[in-house]
């Protein structure tokens, strides 16, 4: 949070500021483990999105489409295997 709020990290040994540039932050939470509370000052820097895990059928459909697109230039007998993976 310190870097997000102030744009620097403080080096406690050298008592100096470290300027960090061109960074991005991505975070996630596991609803089944750990703490379920987030500091509101930290959370204010993020967009909060909640979503459920897709069904097995949906995941299979998504990955099949990606695999089909990747295998479009393969031989026909190989193309047909995407549904079995």
C-alpha atoms as a PDB file:
ATOM      1  CA  UNK A   1       0.000   0.000   0.000  1.00  0.00           C
ATOM      2  CA  UNK A   2       2.882   2.335   0.716  1.00  0.00           C
ATOM      3  CA  UNK A   3       4.053   2.283  -2.891  1.00  0.00           C
ATOM      4  CA  UNK A   4       0.542   2.701  -4.246  1.00  0.00           C
ATOM      5  CA  UNK A   5      -0.176   5.691  -1.996  1.00  0.00           C
ATOM      6  CA  UNK A   6       3.163   7.490  -2.135  1.00  0.00           C
ATOM      7  CA  UNK A   7       4.972   6.103  -5.191  1.00  0.00           C
ATOM      8  CA  UNK A   8       8.046   5.138  -3.174  1.00  0.00           C
ATOM      9  CA  UNK A   9       9.286   2.435  -0.835  1.00  0.00           C
ATOM     10  CA  UNK A  10      11.188   3.433   2.259  1.00  0.00           C
ATOM     11  CA  UNK A  11      14.443   1.669   2.992  1.00  0.00           C
ATOM     12  CA  UNK A  12      14.560   1.453   6.785  1.00  0.00           C
ATOM     13  CA  UNK A  13      18.253   0.526   6.845  1.00  0.00           C
ATOM     14  CA  UNK A  14      19.512   3.347   4.637  1.00  0.00           C
ATOM     15  CA  UNK A  15      16.714   5.717   5.740  1.00  0.00           C
ATOM     16  CA  UNK A  16      16.149   6.602   2.121  1.00  0.00           C
ATOM     17  CA  UNK A  17      13.323   6.513  -0.399  1.00  0.00           C
ATOM     18  CA  UNK A  18      13.389   4.015  -3.257  1.00  0.00           C
ATOM     19  CA  UNK A  19      11.445   5.230  -6.285  1.00  0.00           C
ATOM     20  CA  UNK A  20       9.848   2.379  -8.240  1.00  0.00           C
ATOM     21  CA  UNK A  21       8.316   3.139 -11.659  1.00  0.00           C
ATOM     22  CA  UNK A  22       6.371   1.280 -14.362  1.00  0.00           C
ATOM     23  CA  UNK A  23       4.765  -1.325 -12.110  1.00  0.00           C
ATOM     24  CA  UNK A  24       1.349  -2.950 -12.129  1.00  0.00           C
ATOM     25  CA  UNK A  25      -0.408  -4.806  -9.342  1.00  0.00           C
ATOM     26  CA  UNK A  26      -2.737  -7.761  -9.687  1.00  0.00           C
ATOM     27  CA  UNK A  27      -4.231  -9.551  -6.722  1.00  0.00           C
ATOM     28  CA  UNK A  28      -6.669 -12.322  -5.932  1.00  0.00           C
ATOM     29  CA  UNK A  29      -8.249 -13.942  -2.912  1.00  0.00           C
ATOM     30  CA  UNK A  30      -9.025 -17.546  -2.101  1.00  0.00           C
ATOM     31  CA  UNK A  31     -12.407 -17.677  -0.344  1.00  0.00           C
ATOM     32  CA  UNK A  32     -11.516 -20.999   1.314  1.00  0.00           C
ATOM     33  CA  UNK A  33      -8.236 -20.053   3.000  1.00  0.00           C
ATOM     34  CA  UNK A  34      -6.650 -17.205   4.871  1.00  0.00           C
ATOM     35  CA  UNK A  35      -8.143 -14.020   6.196  1.00  0.00           C
ATOM     36  CA  UNK A  36     -11.346 -12.649   4.719  1.00  0.00           C
ATOM     37  CA  UNK A  37     -10.713  -9.014   5.609  1.00  0.00           C
ATOM     38  CA  UNK A  38      -8.889  -6.447   3.512  1.00  0.00           C
ATOM     39  CA  UNK A  39      -7.632  -3.108   4.678  1.00  0.00           C
ATOM     40  CA  UNK A  40     -10.006  -0.572   3.051  1.00  0.00           C
ATOM     41  CA  UNK A  41      -7.061   1.750   2.290  1.00  0.00           C
ATOM     42  CA  UNK A  42      -5.432  -1.040   0.264  1.00  0.00           C
ATOM     43  CA  UNK A  43      -8.659  -2.194  -1.376  1.00  0.00           C
ATOM     44  CA  UNK A  44      -9.379   1.341  -2.611  1.00  0.00           C
ATOM     45  CA  UNK A  45      -6.581   0.905  -5.173  1.00  0.00           C
ATOM     46  CA  UNK A  46      -8.237  -2.118  -6.811  1.00  0.00           C
ATOM     47  CA  UNK A  47     -11.387  -2.889  -8.716  1.00  0.00           C
ATOM     48  CA  UNK A  48     -13.223  -5.629  -6.860  1.00  0.00           C
ATOM     49  CA  UNK A  49     -14.806  -8.308  -9.033  1.00  0.00           C
ATOM     50  CA  UNK A  50     -16.533 -11.385  -7.688  1.00  0.00           C
ATOM     51  CA  UNK A  51     -17.258 -14.370  -9.901  1.00  0.00           C
ATOM     52  CA  UNK A  52     -18.122 -18.002  -9.504  1.00  0.00           C
ATOM     53  CA  UNK A  53     -16.052 -20.824 -10.974  1.00  0.00           C
ATOM     54  CA  UNK A  54     -17.490 -21.839 -14.353  1.00  0.00           C
ATOM     55  CA  UNK A  55     -18.933 -25.316 -14.796  1.00  0.00           C
ATOM     56  CA  UNK A  56     -16.826 -28.143 -16.233  1.00  0.00           C
ATOM     57  CA  UNK A  57     -18.842 -27.990 -19.451  1.00  0.00           C
ATOM     58  CA  UNK A  58     -18.170 -24.274 -19.860  1.00  0.00           C
ATOM     59  CA  UNK A  59     -14.444 -24.699 -19.218  1.00  0.00           C
ATOM     60  CA  UNK A  60     -14.277 -27.605 -21.661  1.00  0.00           C
ATOM     61  CA  UNK A  61     -16.021 -25.484 -24.313  1.00  0.00           C
ATOM     62  CA  UNK A  62     -13.658 -22.547 -23.831  1.00  0.00           C
ATOM     63  CA  UNK A  63     -10.507 -24.655 -23.947  1.00  0.00           C
ATOM     64  CA  UNK A  64     -11.816 -26.651 -26.928  1.00  0.00           C
ATOM     65  CA  UNK A  65     -12.301 -23.441 -28.910  1.00  0.00           C
ATOM     66  CA  UNK A  66      -8.786 -22.262 -28.058  1.00  0.00           C
ATOM     67  CA  UNK A  67      -7.323 -25.649 -28.989  1.00  0.00           C
ATOM     68  CA  UNK A  68      -9.339 -25.799 -32.227  1.00  0.00           C
ATOM     69  CA  UNK A  69      -8.013 -22.382 -33.246  1.00  0.00           C
ATOM     70  CA  UNK A  70      -4.451 -23.430 -32.415  1.00  0.00           C
ATOM     71  CA  UNK A  71      -4.767 -26.692 -34.368  1.00  0.00           C
ATOM     72  CA  UNK A  72      -6.363 -25.203 -37.510  1.00  0.00           C
ATOM     73  CA  UNK A  73      -3.222 -25.822 -39.591  1.00  0.00           C
ATOM     74  CA  UNK A  74      -2.651 -29.393 -38.357  1.00  0.00           C
ATOM     75  CA  UNK A  75      -3.574 -32.550 -40.256  1.00  0.00           C
ATOM     76  CA  UNK A  76      -7.227 -33.618 -40.153  1.00  0.00           C
ATOM     77  CA  UNK A  77      -6.619 -36.641 -37.902  1.00  0.00           C
ATOM     78  CA  UNK A  78      -4.923 -34.364 -35.354  1.00  0.00           C
ATOM     79  CA  UNK A  79      -7.626 -31.669 -35.551  1.00  0.00           C
ATOM     80  CA  UNK A  80     -10.254 -34.205 -34.506  1.00  0.00           C
ATOM     81  CA  UNK A  81      -8.446 -34.913 -31.233  1.00  0.00           C
ATOM     82  CA  UNK A  82      -9.224 -31.536 -29.658  1.00  0.00           C
ATOM     83  CA  UNK A  83     -12.494 -32.839 -28.221  1.00  0.00           C
ATOM     84  CA  UNK A  84     -10.713 -35.732 -26.500  1.00  0.00           C
ATOM     85  CA  UNK A  85      -8.132 -33.640 -24.692  1.00  0.00           C
END
